[in-house]
N, C-alpha and C. Protein backbone atom coordinates (compact mmCIF):
# COMPACT_ATOMS: atom_id res chain seq x y z
N MET A 1 -6.35 12.84 23.33
CA MET A 1 -5.53 13.89 22.74
C MET A 1 -4.59 13.26 21.72
N GLU A 2 -4.51 13.89 20.54
CA GLU A 2 -3.68 13.33 19.48
C GLU A 2 -2.20 13.54 19.76
N LYS A 3 -1.44 12.51 19.53
CA LYS A 3 0.02 12.63 19.62
C LYS A 3 0.63 11.79 18.51
N LYS A 4 1.34 12.43 17.62
CA LYS A 4 1.96 11.71 16.52
C LYS A 4 3.26 11.06 16.98
N LEU A 5 3.42 9.80 16.60
CA LEU A 5 4.63 9.07 16.97
C LEU A 5 5.61 9.09 15.80
N THR A 6 6.85 9.32 16.10
CA THR A 6 7.86 9.35 15.04
C THR A 6 8.47 7.99 14.80
N SER A 7 8.14 7.02 15.66
CA SER A 7 8.70 5.68 15.52
C SER A 7 7.65 4.64 15.85
N ALA A 8 7.69 3.52 15.14
CA ALA A 8 6.76 2.42 15.43
C ALA A 8 7.09 1.77 16.75
N TYR A 9 8.26 2.08 17.31
CA TYR A 9 8.71 1.42 18.53
C TYR A 9 8.71 2.36 19.74
N ALA A 10 7.89 3.43 19.67
CA ALA A 10 7.92 4.46 20.71
C ALA A 10 7.13 4.08 21.96
N LEU A 11 6.38 2.99 21.92
CA LEU A 11 5.56 2.64 23.07
C LEU A 11 6.39 1.99 24.16
N PRO A 12 6.17 2.40 25.42
CA PRO A 12 6.93 1.83 26.54
C PRO A 12 6.63 0.36 26.79
N SER A 13 5.36 -0.05 26.61
CA SER A 13 5.04 -1.44 26.93
C SER A 13 3.82 -1.92 26.16
N ALA A 14 3.81 -3.21 25.89
CA ALA A 14 2.68 -3.87 25.24
C ALA A 14 2.70 -5.32 25.69
N LYS A 15 1.62 -5.78 26.30
CA LYS A 15 1.62 -7.15 26.80
C LYS A 15 0.26 -7.81 26.60
N PHE A 16 0.29 -9.11 26.36
CA PHE A 16 -0.94 -9.89 26.26
C PHE A 16 -1.56 -10.01 27.65
N VAL A 17 -2.89 -9.81 27.73
CA VAL A 17 -3.59 -9.87 29.01
C VAL A 17 -4.47 -11.10 29.11
N LYS A 18 -5.36 -11.30 28.13
CA LYS A 18 -6.25 -12.46 28.19
C LYS A 18 -6.97 -12.65 26.87
N SER A 19 -7.59 -13.82 26.73
CA SER A 19 -8.46 -14.13 25.60
C SER A 19 -9.90 -14.22 26.11
N ALA A 20 -10.83 -13.91 25.24
CA ALA A 20 -12.24 -13.95 25.62
C ALA A 20 -13.06 -14.52 24.48
N VAL A 21 -14.19 -15.12 24.81
CA VAL A 21 -15.12 -15.61 23.80
C VAL A 21 -16.49 -14.97 23.94
N SER A 22 -16.70 -14.21 25.02
CA SER A 22 -17.98 -13.54 25.23
C SER A 22 -17.76 -12.28 26.06
N LEU A 23 -18.80 -11.46 26.18
CA LEU A 23 -18.69 -10.19 26.89
C LEU A 23 -18.36 -10.39 28.37
N LYS A 24 -18.79 -11.49 28.94
CA LYS A 24 -18.52 -11.72 30.37
C LYS A 24 -17.05 -11.99 30.64
N ASP A 25 -16.29 -12.27 29.58
CA ASP A 25 -14.86 -12.58 29.74
C ASP A 25 -13.96 -11.36 29.53
N LEU A 26 -14.53 -10.19 29.29
CA LEU A 26 -13.72 -9.01 29.02
C LEU A 26 -12.90 -8.61 30.25
N PRO A 27 -11.77 -7.92 30.05
CA PRO A 27 -10.96 -7.48 31.19
C PRO A 27 -11.78 -6.63 32.16
N GLU A 28 -11.50 -6.77 33.44
CA GLU A 28 -12.27 -6.07 34.46
C GLU A 28 -11.95 -4.59 34.53
N ASN A 29 -10.69 -4.22 34.27
CA ASN A 29 -10.37 -2.79 34.35
C ASN A 29 -10.90 -2.07 33.11
N ARG A 30 -11.56 -0.96 33.32
CA ARG A 30 -12.28 -0.26 32.28
C ARG A 30 -11.37 0.69 31.51
N LEU A 31 -10.55 0.13 30.64
CA LEU A 31 -9.69 0.93 29.79
C LEU A 31 -10.29 1.02 28.39
N PRO A 32 -10.01 2.10 27.67
CA PRO A 32 -10.48 2.21 26.28
C PRO A 32 -9.95 1.06 25.43
N GLN A 33 -10.72 0.68 24.42
CA GLN A 33 -10.34 -0.43 23.56
C GLN A 33 -10.43 -0.03 22.09
N ILE A 34 -9.44 -0.45 21.33
CA ILE A 34 -9.44 -0.30 19.88
C ILE A 34 -9.27 -1.69 19.29
N ALA A 35 -10.23 -2.11 18.47
CA ALA A 35 -10.21 -3.47 17.92
C ALA A 35 -9.70 -3.49 16.48
N PHE A 36 -8.99 -4.56 16.14
CA PHE A 36 -8.51 -4.77 14.78
C PHE A 36 -9.27 -5.95 14.17
N LEU A 37 -9.75 -5.74 12.96
CA LEU A 37 -10.56 -6.76 12.28
C LEU A 37 -10.23 -6.75 10.79
N GLY A 38 -10.47 -7.87 10.14
CA GLY A 38 -10.25 -7.98 8.70
C GLY A 38 -10.40 -9.42 8.27
N ARG A 39 -10.37 -9.65 6.98
CA ARG A 39 -10.47 -11.01 6.48
C ARG A 39 -9.26 -11.83 6.93
N SER A 40 -9.46 -13.13 7.02
CA SER A 40 -8.35 -14.02 7.37
C SER A 40 -7.20 -13.82 6.39
N ASN A 41 -5.98 -13.77 6.94
CA ASN A 41 -4.76 -13.64 6.15
C ASN A 41 -4.57 -12.25 5.54
N VAL A 42 -5.20 -11.22 6.14
CA VAL A 42 -5.05 -9.86 5.64
C VAL A 42 -3.80 -9.19 6.20
N GLY A 43 -3.12 -9.87 7.15
CA GLY A 43 -1.90 -9.32 7.72
C GLY A 43 -2.10 -8.63 9.06
N LYS A 44 -3.18 -8.99 9.75
CA LYS A 44 -3.53 -8.34 11.02
C LYS A 44 -2.49 -8.61 12.10
N SER A 45 -2.11 -9.85 12.28
CA SER A 45 -1.15 -10.20 13.33
C SER A 45 0.21 -9.54 13.08
N SER A 46 0.66 -9.56 11.84
CA SER A 46 1.94 -8.93 11.50
C SER A 46 1.90 -7.43 11.77
N LEU A 47 0.77 -6.81 11.47
CA LEU A 47 0.63 -5.37 11.70
C LEU A 47 0.68 -5.05 13.18
N LEU A 48 0.00 -5.84 14.00
CA LEU A 48 0.00 -5.59 15.44
C LEU A 48 1.41 -5.73 16.02
N ASN A 49 2.15 -6.70 15.54
CA ASN A 49 3.54 -6.86 15.98
C ASN A 49 4.39 -5.66 15.55
N ALA A 50 4.17 -5.19 14.32
CA ALA A 50 4.93 -4.04 13.83
C ALA A 50 4.57 -2.77 14.60
N LEU A 51 3.32 -2.59 14.91
CA LEU A 51 2.87 -1.40 15.64
C LEU A 51 3.46 -1.34 17.04
N THR A 52 3.55 -2.47 17.69
CA THR A 52 4.05 -2.51 19.07
C THR A 52 5.56 -2.69 19.14
N GLY A 53 6.18 -3.00 18.01
CA GLY A 53 7.62 -3.21 18.00
C GLY A 53 8.05 -4.50 18.66
N LYS A 54 7.11 -5.45 18.79
CA LYS A 54 7.41 -6.74 19.41
C LYS A 54 7.14 -7.84 18.38
N LYS A 55 8.17 -8.56 18.00
CA LYS A 55 8.06 -9.53 16.92
C LYS A 55 7.07 -10.66 17.22
N ASN A 56 6.98 -11.06 18.47
CA ASN A 56 6.17 -12.23 18.80
C ASN A 56 5.03 -11.94 19.76
N LEU A 57 4.59 -10.68 19.83
CA LEU A 57 3.47 -10.35 20.70
C LEU A 57 2.21 -11.11 20.24
N VAL A 58 1.98 -11.10 18.95
CA VAL A 58 0.85 -11.81 18.35
C VAL A 58 1.39 -12.91 17.48
N LYS A 59 0.87 -14.12 17.62
CA LYS A 59 1.34 -15.24 16.82
C LYS A 59 0.93 -15.05 15.36
N VAL A 60 1.91 -15.19 14.47
CA VAL A 60 1.68 -15.05 13.04
C VAL A 60 1.69 -16.43 12.40
N SER A 61 0.71 -16.68 11.56
CA SER A 61 0.61 -17.98 10.89
C SER A 61 0.28 -17.79 9.42
N ALA A 62 0.82 -18.66 8.57
CA ALA A 62 0.48 -18.64 7.15
C ALA A 62 -0.89 -19.26 6.91
N THR A 63 -1.43 -19.92 7.92
CA THR A 63 -2.74 -20.55 7.80
C THR A 63 -3.83 -19.56 8.18
N PRO A 64 -4.76 -19.25 7.26
CA PRO A 64 -5.84 -18.33 7.59
C PRO A 64 -6.67 -18.84 8.77
N GLY A 65 -7.18 -17.91 9.56
CA GLY A 65 -8.06 -18.29 10.67
C GLY A 65 -7.33 -18.69 11.93
N LYS A 66 -6.08 -18.26 12.09
CA LYS A 66 -5.31 -18.64 13.27
C LYS A 66 -5.92 -18.07 14.55
N THR A 67 -6.34 -16.79 14.49
CA THR A 67 -6.95 -16.15 15.65
C THR A 67 -8.41 -16.61 15.76
N ARG A 68 -8.76 -17.27 16.87
CA ARG A 68 -10.11 -17.80 17.02
C ARG A 68 -10.82 -17.27 18.25
N GLU A 69 -10.11 -16.46 19.03
CA GLU A 69 -10.71 -15.84 20.20
C GLU A 69 -10.46 -14.34 20.14
N ILE A 70 -11.07 -13.59 21.06
CA ILE A 70 -10.84 -12.16 21.16
C ILE A 70 -9.67 -11.95 22.12
N ASN A 71 -8.56 -11.44 21.61
CA ASN A 71 -7.34 -11.32 22.40
C ASN A 71 -7.08 -9.86 22.77
N PHE A 72 -6.77 -9.63 24.05
CA PHE A 72 -6.57 -8.28 24.57
C PHE A 72 -5.10 -8.05 24.89
N PHE A 73 -4.57 -6.93 24.38
CA PHE A 73 -3.19 -6.54 24.62
C PHE A 73 -3.19 -5.15 25.26
N GLU A 74 -2.60 -5.07 26.45
CA GLU A 74 -2.58 -3.81 27.18
C GLU A 74 -1.40 -2.95 26.74
N ILE A 75 -1.69 -1.72 26.38
CA ILE A 75 -0.67 -0.80 25.89
C ILE A 75 -0.37 0.25 26.95
N ASN A 76 0.82 0.19 27.53
CA ASN A 76 1.29 1.17 28.51
C ASN A 76 0.31 1.38 29.66
N GLU A 77 -0.45 0.34 29.99
CA GLU A 77 -1.44 0.39 31.07
C GLU A 77 -2.46 1.50 30.84
N ALA A 78 -2.65 1.90 29.59
CA ALA A 78 -3.54 3.03 29.28
C ALA A 78 -4.75 2.62 28.44
N PHE A 79 -4.59 1.63 27.56
CA PHE A 79 -5.71 1.18 26.73
C PHE A 79 -5.40 -0.20 26.18
N TYR A 80 -6.41 -0.80 25.58
CA TYR A 80 -6.25 -2.13 24.99
C TYR A 80 -6.30 -2.07 23.47
N ILE A 81 -5.41 -2.82 22.84
CA ILE A 81 -5.57 -3.19 21.45
C ILE A 81 -6.20 -4.58 21.45
N VAL A 82 -7.26 -4.75 20.70
CA VAL A 82 -8.03 -5.99 20.71
C VAL A 82 -7.92 -6.67 19.35
N ASP A 83 -7.43 -7.89 19.34
CA ASP A 83 -7.26 -8.67 18.12
C ASP A 83 -8.46 -9.59 17.96
N LEU A 84 -9.30 -9.30 16.97
CA LEU A 84 -10.50 -10.09 16.73
C LEU A 84 -10.23 -11.20 15.71
N PRO A 85 -10.99 -12.30 15.77
CA PRO A 85 -10.82 -13.38 14.77
C PRO A 85 -11.03 -12.85 13.36
N GLY A 86 -10.36 -13.47 12.41
CA GLY A 86 -10.50 -13.06 11.02
C GLY A 86 -11.88 -13.33 10.48
N VAL A 87 -12.31 -12.49 9.55
CA VAL A 87 -13.61 -12.63 8.91
C VAL A 87 -13.48 -13.54 7.70
N GLY A 88 -14.45 -14.41 7.50
CA GLY A 88 -14.43 -15.25 6.31
C GLY A 88 -13.77 -16.59 6.54
N TYR A 89 -12.97 -17.02 5.58
CA TYR A 89 -12.41 -18.36 5.56
C TYR A 89 -11.56 -18.66 6.80
N ALA A 90 -11.80 -19.84 7.35
CA ALA A 90 -10.96 -20.35 8.42
C ALA A 90 -11.09 -21.86 8.44
N LYS A 91 -9.99 -22.56 8.73
CA LYS A 91 -10.02 -24.02 8.74
C LYS A 91 -10.58 -24.53 10.07
N VAL A 92 -11.85 -24.22 10.28
CA VAL A 92 -12.55 -24.69 11.47
C VAL A 92 -13.92 -25.19 11.00
N SER A 93 -14.60 -25.88 11.89
CA SER A 93 -15.92 -26.40 11.55
C SER A 93 -16.89 -25.24 11.36
N PHE A 94 -18.01 -25.53 10.68
CA PHE A 94 -19.03 -24.50 10.48
C PHE A 94 -19.53 -23.96 11.81
N ALA A 95 -19.73 -24.86 12.77
CA ALA A 95 -20.23 -24.45 14.08
C ALA A 95 -19.24 -23.51 14.78
N LYS A 96 -17.94 -23.83 14.67
CA LYS A 96 -16.92 -22.99 15.29
C LYS A 96 -16.84 -21.64 14.60
N GLN A 97 -16.94 -21.64 13.27
CA GLN A 97 -16.89 -20.39 12.52
C GLN A 97 -18.08 -19.51 12.89
N GLU A 98 -19.25 -20.12 13.03
CA GLU A 98 -20.44 -19.37 13.42
C GLU A 98 -20.27 -18.78 14.82
N GLN A 99 -19.64 -19.55 15.72
CA GLN A 99 -19.39 -19.07 17.07
C GLN A 99 -18.45 -17.86 17.05
N MET A 100 -17.40 -17.93 16.21
CA MET A 100 -16.46 -16.82 16.09
C MET A 100 -17.15 -15.57 15.57
N GLU A 101 -18.01 -15.72 14.57
CA GLU A 101 -18.72 -14.58 14.01
C GLU A 101 -19.67 -13.97 15.03
N ASN A 102 -20.33 -14.81 15.82
CA ASN A 102 -21.23 -14.31 16.86
C ASN A 102 -20.45 -13.57 17.94
N SER A 103 -19.26 -14.08 18.28
CA SER A 103 -18.42 -13.43 19.29
C SER A 103 -18.02 -12.03 18.83
N ILE A 104 -17.64 -11.91 17.56
CA ILE A 104 -17.27 -10.60 17.00
C ILE A 104 -18.45 -9.65 17.05
N ARG A 105 -19.61 -10.12 16.60
CA ARG A 105 -20.80 -9.26 16.57
C ARG A 105 -21.20 -8.80 17.96
N HIS A 106 -21.25 -9.74 18.91
CA HIS A 106 -21.64 -9.40 20.27
C HIS A 106 -20.65 -8.43 20.91
N TYR A 107 -19.36 -8.62 20.61
CA TYR A 107 -18.34 -7.73 21.17
C TYR A 107 -18.52 -6.31 20.63
N ILE A 108 -18.64 -6.18 19.31
CA ILE A 108 -18.76 -4.86 18.70
C ILE A 108 -20.04 -4.16 19.14
N GLU A 109 -21.12 -4.90 19.29
CA GLU A 109 -22.39 -4.30 19.68
C GLU A 109 -22.50 -4.04 21.18
N GLY A 110 -21.74 -4.80 21.99
CA GLY A 110 -21.96 -4.72 23.43
C GLY A 110 -20.80 -4.26 24.29
N ALA A 111 -19.60 -4.14 23.74
CA ALA A 111 -18.44 -3.73 24.55
C ALA A 111 -18.51 -2.23 24.84
N GLU A 112 -18.73 -1.88 26.08
CA GLU A 112 -18.94 -0.48 26.44
C GLU A 112 -17.69 0.37 26.28
N ASP A 113 -16.51 -0.23 26.36
CA ASP A 113 -15.27 0.54 26.30
C ASP A 113 -14.64 0.55 24.90
N LEU A 114 -15.33 -0.03 23.93
CA LEU A 114 -14.82 -0.06 22.56
C LEU A 114 -14.96 1.33 21.94
N ARG A 115 -13.83 1.92 21.54
CA ARG A 115 -13.84 3.26 20.95
C ARG A 115 -13.90 3.25 19.43
N GLY A 116 -13.57 2.10 18.83
CA GLY A 116 -13.61 2.03 17.38
C GLY A 116 -12.97 0.76 16.86
N VAL A 117 -13.21 0.47 15.59
CA VAL A 117 -12.65 -0.71 14.93
C VAL A 117 -11.78 -0.26 13.77
N ILE A 118 -10.58 -0.81 13.71
CA ILE A 118 -9.70 -0.61 12.57
C ILE A 118 -9.86 -1.83 11.67
N TYR A 119 -10.42 -1.59 10.49
CA TYR A 119 -10.70 -2.71 9.58
C TYR A 119 -9.67 -2.73 8.45
N LEU A 120 -8.95 -3.84 8.35
CA LEU A 120 -7.89 -3.98 7.35
C LEU A 120 -8.44 -4.55 6.05
N VAL A 121 -8.02 -3.92 4.96
CA VAL A 121 -8.38 -4.37 3.61
C VAL A 121 -7.09 -4.58 2.84
N ASP A 122 -6.92 -5.73 2.24
CA ASP A 122 -5.74 -6.02 1.41
C ASP A 122 -5.74 -5.06 0.23
N ILE A 123 -4.71 -4.23 0.14
CA ILE A 123 -4.67 -3.19 -0.88
C ILE A 123 -4.68 -3.78 -2.30
N ARG A 124 -4.26 -5.02 -2.44
CA ARG A 124 -4.23 -5.63 -3.77
C ARG A 124 -5.62 -5.94 -4.29
N HIS A 125 -6.58 -6.12 -3.39
CA HIS A 125 -7.93 -6.53 -3.79
C HIS A 125 -8.96 -5.41 -3.68
N GLY A 126 -8.65 -4.40 -2.90
CA GLY A 126 -9.51 -3.21 -2.84
C GLY A 126 -10.82 -3.38 -2.11
N GLY A 127 -11.00 -4.48 -1.42
CA GLY A 127 -12.24 -4.69 -0.68
C GLY A 127 -13.16 -5.69 -1.35
N THR A 128 -13.45 -6.79 -0.67
CA THR A 128 -14.32 -7.83 -1.20
C THR A 128 -15.75 -7.62 -0.72
N PRO A 129 -16.72 -8.34 -1.27
CA PRO A 129 -18.09 -8.23 -0.78
C PRO A 129 -18.21 -8.53 0.72
N ILE A 130 -17.40 -9.48 1.22
CA ILE A 130 -17.42 -9.79 2.65
C ILE A 130 -16.92 -8.59 3.46
N ASP A 131 -15.87 -7.92 2.94
CA ASP A 131 -15.36 -6.72 3.61
C ASP A 131 -16.45 -5.65 3.69
N LEU A 132 -17.11 -5.39 2.58
CA LEU A 132 -18.15 -4.37 2.54
C LEU A 132 -19.30 -4.70 3.49
N GLU A 133 -19.72 -5.95 3.47
CA GLU A 133 -20.81 -6.38 4.33
C GLU A 133 -20.45 -6.21 5.81
N THR A 134 -19.23 -6.61 6.15
CA THR A 134 -18.80 -6.52 7.54
C THR A 134 -18.70 -5.07 8.00
N VAL A 135 -18.12 -4.22 7.18
CA VAL A 135 -17.99 -2.80 7.53
C VAL A 135 -19.36 -2.15 7.68
N ASN A 136 -20.28 -2.50 6.81
CA ASN A 136 -21.64 -1.95 6.91
C ASN A 136 -22.31 -2.37 8.22
N HIS A 137 -22.08 -3.61 8.64
CA HIS A 137 -22.64 -4.08 9.92
C HIS A 137 -22.06 -3.27 11.09
N ILE A 138 -20.76 -3.02 11.04
CA ILE A 138 -20.11 -2.25 12.10
C ILE A 138 -20.69 -0.84 12.15
N ARG A 139 -20.85 -0.23 10.99
CA ARG A 139 -21.40 1.12 10.93
C ARG A 139 -22.83 1.16 11.45
N LYS A 140 -23.63 0.16 11.08
CA LYS A 140 -25.01 0.11 11.55
C LYS A 140 -25.10 -0.07 13.06
N ALA A 141 -24.07 -0.70 13.64
CA ALA A 141 -24.03 -0.88 15.09
C ALA A 141 -23.65 0.41 15.81
N GLY A 142 -23.31 1.44 15.04
CA GLY A 142 -22.96 2.73 15.62
C GLY A 142 -21.53 2.83 16.09
N CYS A 143 -20.68 1.91 15.64
CA CYS A 143 -19.29 1.90 16.06
C CYS A 143 -18.41 2.57 15.00
N PRO A 144 -17.57 3.52 15.39
CA PRO A 144 -16.65 4.13 14.41
C PRO A 144 -15.73 3.08 13.81
N VAL A 145 -15.48 3.19 12.51
CA VAL A 145 -14.61 2.23 11.85
C VAL A 145 -13.64 2.99 10.95
N LEU A 146 -12.36 2.63 11.04
CA LEU A 146 -11.32 3.21 10.21
C LEU A 146 -10.82 2.15 9.25
N ILE A 147 -10.94 2.41 7.95
CA ILE A 147 -10.47 1.48 6.94
C ILE A 147 -8.99 1.72 6.70
N VAL A 148 -8.19 0.67 6.79
CA VAL A 148 -6.75 0.76 6.58
C VAL A 148 -6.34 -0.26 5.52
N ALA A 149 -5.58 0.19 4.54
CA ALA A 149 -5.11 -0.70 3.47
C ALA A 149 -3.81 -1.38 3.90
N SER A 150 -3.83 -2.69 3.97
CA SER A 150 -2.65 -3.44 4.40
C SER A 150 -1.83 -3.93 3.21
N LYS A 151 -0.61 -4.41 3.50
CA LYS A 151 0.28 -5.00 2.51
C LYS A 151 0.68 -4.01 1.42
N ARG A 152 0.98 -2.80 1.85
CA ARG A 152 1.38 -1.74 0.92
C ARG A 152 2.60 -2.13 0.10
N ASP A 153 3.48 -2.93 0.68
CA ASP A 153 4.70 -3.32 -0.01
C ASP A 153 4.46 -4.28 -1.17
N LYS A 154 3.22 -4.77 -1.30
CA LYS A 154 2.91 -5.75 -2.35
C LYS A 154 2.51 -5.08 -3.67
N VAL A 155 2.42 -3.74 -3.69
CA VAL A 155 2.02 -3.03 -4.91
C VAL A 155 3.05 -1.95 -5.24
N ASN A 156 3.12 -1.57 -6.51
CA ASN A 156 4.02 -0.48 -6.90
C ASN A 156 3.32 0.86 -6.69
N GLN A 157 4.01 1.95 -6.96
CA GLN A 157 3.46 3.28 -6.68
C GLN A 157 2.19 3.57 -7.47
N SER A 158 2.15 3.13 -8.72
CA SER A 158 0.97 3.35 -9.55
C SER A 158 -0.23 2.58 -9.00
N GLU A 159 0.00 1.32 -8.64
CA GLU A 159 -1.08 0.50 -8.08
C GLU A 159 -1.50 1.03 -6.71
N LEU A 160 -0.55 1.55 -5.95
CA LEU A 160 -0.86 2.10 -4.63
C LEU A 160 -1.86 3.23 -4.75
N ALA A 161 -1.60 4.17 -5.64
CA ALA A 161 -2.50 5.32 -5.82
C ALA A 161 -3.87 4.87 -6.33
N LYS A 162 -3.86 3.98 -7.32
CA LYS A 162 -5.11 3.53 -7.92
C LYS A 162 -5.96 2.75 -6.92
N ASN A 163 -5.33 1.83 -6.17
CA ASN A 163 -6.09 0.97 -5.26
C ASN A 163 -6.56 1.71 -4.02
N ARG A 164 -5.79 2.70 -3.55
CA ARG A 164 -6.28 3.52 -2.43
C ARG A 164 -7.55 4.27 -2.85
N LYS A 165 -7.58 4.76 -4.08
CA LYS A 165 -8.75 5.46 -4.59
C LYS A 165 -9.94 4.51 -4.72
N ILE A 166 -9.67 3.28 -5.17
CA ILE A 166 -10.73 2.28 -5.27
C ILE A 166 -11.34 2.00 -3.90
N ILE A 167 -10.48 1.83 -2.90
CA ILE A 167 -10.97 1.57 -1.54
C ILE A 167 -11.76 2.77 -1.01
N GLN A 168 -11.26 3.97 -1.27
CA GLN A 168 -11.97 5.17 -0.84
C GLN A 168 -13.39 5.21 -1.42
N ASP A 169 -13.51 4.96 -2.70
CA ASP A 169 -14.82 5.01 -3.36
C ASP A 169 -15.72 3.85 -2.92
N ARG A 170 -15.15 2.67 -2.82
CA ARG A 170 -15.92 1.47 -2.50
C ARG A 170 -16.53 1.54 -1.10
N PHE A 171 -15.79 2.14 -0.16
CA PHE A 171 -16.27 2.20 1.22
C PHE A 171 -16.85 3.56 1.59
N GLY A 172 -16.93 4.45 0.61
CA GLY A 172 -17.52 5.75 0.86
C GLY A 172 -16.75 6.60 1.84
N LEU A 173 -15.41 6.63 1.71
CA LEU A 173 -14.57 7.36 2.63
C LEU A 173 -14.39 8.81 2.16
N GLU A 174 -14.24 9.72 3.12
CA GLU A 174 -14.03 11.12 2.79
C GLU A 174 -12.62 11.37 2.29
N THR A 175 -11.66 10.59 2.76
CA THR A 175 -10.26 10.75 2.36
C THR A 175 -9.68 9.39 1.96
N LEU A 176 -8.52 9.41 1.37
CA LEU A 176 -7.85 8.16 1.02
C LEU A 176 -7.50 7.39 2.29
N PRO A 177 -7.58 6.06 2.25
CA PRO A 177 -7.24 5.27 3.44
C PRO A 177 -5.75 5.28 3.73
N ILE A 178 -5.40 5.14 5.00
CA ILE A 178 -4.00 4.95 5.37
C ILE A 178 -3.54 3.63 4.77
N ALA A 179 -2.36 3.63 4.17
CA ALA A 179 -1.79 2.40 3.61
C ALA A 179 -0.57 2.03 4.44
N VAL A 180 -0.54 0.79 4.94
CA VAL A 180 0.53 0.37 5.83
C VAL A 180 1.25 -0.86 5.28
N SER A 181 2.50 -0.98 5.70
CA SER A 181 3.28 -2.17 5.40
C SER A 181 3.97 -2.61 6.68
N SER A 182 3.65 -3.81 7.14
CA SER A 182 4.30 -4.35 8.33
C SER A 182 5.76 -4.65 8.04
N LEU A 183 6.05 -5.06 6.80
CA LEU A 183 7.42 -5.42 6.42
C LEU A 183 8.32 -4.19 6.34
N LYS A 184 7.84 -3.15 5.66
CA LYS A 184 8.64 -1.94 5.45
C LYS A 184 8.46 -0.91 6.56
N LYS A 185 7.51 -1.17 7.49
CA LYS A 185 7.23 -0.26 8.61
C LYS A 185 6.75 1.11 8.11
N THR A 186 5.99 1.13 7.03
CA THR A 186 5.46 2.38 6.50
C THR A 186 4.00 2.57 6.91
N GLY A 187 3.64 3.81 7.15
CA GLY A 187 2.27 4.15 7.52
C GLY A 187 1.94 3.92 8.99
N LEU A 188 2.88 3.40 9.76
CA LEU A 188 2.59 3.04 11.15
C LEU A 188 2.41 4.27 12.05
N GLY A 189 3.25 5.28 11.84
CA GLY A 189 3.12 6.50 12.63
C GLY A 189 1.79 7.17 12.42
N GLU A 190 1.32 7.21 11.17
CA GLU A 190 0.03 7.80 10.85
C GLU A 190 -1.11 7.02 11.51
N LEU A 191 -0.99 5.70 11.49
CA LEU A 191 -2.01 4.87 12.12
C LEU A 191 -2.01 5.04 13.63
N TRP A 192 -0.81 5.10 14.25
CA TRP A 192 -0.74 5.32 15.69
C TRP A 192 -1.39 6.64 16.09
N SER A 193 -1.21 7.65 15.26
CA SER A 193 -1.81 8.95 15.54
C SER A 193 -3.33 8.84 15.62
N GLU A 194 -3.92 8.07 14.71
CA GLU A 194 -5.37 7.87 14.72
C GLU A 194 -5.82 7.06 15.93
N ILE A 195 -5.04 6.05 16.30
CA ILE A 195 -5.38 5.22 17.45
C ILE A 195 -5.38 6.06 18.73
N LEU A 196 -4.32 6.83 18.95
CA LEU A 196 -4.22 7.63 20.18
C LEU A 196 -5.29 8.71 20.23
N LYS A 197 -5.65 9.23 19.08
CA LYS A 197 -6.73 10.22 19.03
C LYS A 197 -8.05 9.59 19.44
N ALA A 198 -8.28 8.35 19.01
CA ALA A 198 -9.53 7.66 19.31
C ALA A 198 -9.67 7.32 20.80
N VAL A 199 -8.55 6.95 21.42
CA VAL A 199 -8.62 6.54 22.83
C VAL A 199 -8.31 7.70 23.78
N SER A 200 -8.01 8.88 23.22
CA SER A 200 -7.73 10.09 24.00
C SER A 200 -6.60 9.87 24.99
N VAL A 201 -5.51 9.31 24.49
CA VAL A 201 -4.34 9.03 25.33
C VAL A 201 -3.14 9.76 24.75
N GLU A 202 -2.33 10.34 25.62
CA GLU A 202 -1.10 10.98 25.19
C GLU A 202 0.06 10.39 25.96
N PHE A 203 1.13 10.01 25.24
CA PHE A 203 2.33 9.46 25.88
C PHE A 203 3.42 10.53 25.89
């Protein structure tokens, strides 16, 4: 059931539960899951901290590829937000990067409680070939995917309108993507509304 939040800090609780590298490591309690994915350094960790109102829930690093496992965060004992490793560049070996990509693919294709993926696109770039390829794979797997434009504060109003339209056309969206800023806390209520609608949870 949809419930719009008037504040990014309206959630009663958010806590880290565990990390996983394969489907056998997923949490045992069968709660709905919403996963966050995007290219390395797209602002995923900062957004998750802003959404939950906890500055250090997710470790933020200036080094791309910091997240290397699938991390589960329990929200109000009702559902999980899942932080997936970044797509693309990471300062790890080729073998490790391949392992991370396989973990993401197996999770998206095999996690029974996954309700959808929120895919972040840097609004300044409008979607790279890697972004398009990854989103197409998610769609082919039959998993709902919501495209969200990150780093809204990095563009002016003219660029915001133009780049949201570019992302809409590039990814074949019916409407303009939600644009969020972790720094300015903009767009978070709209995004929370979509998350709660997907997991059918009302607070």
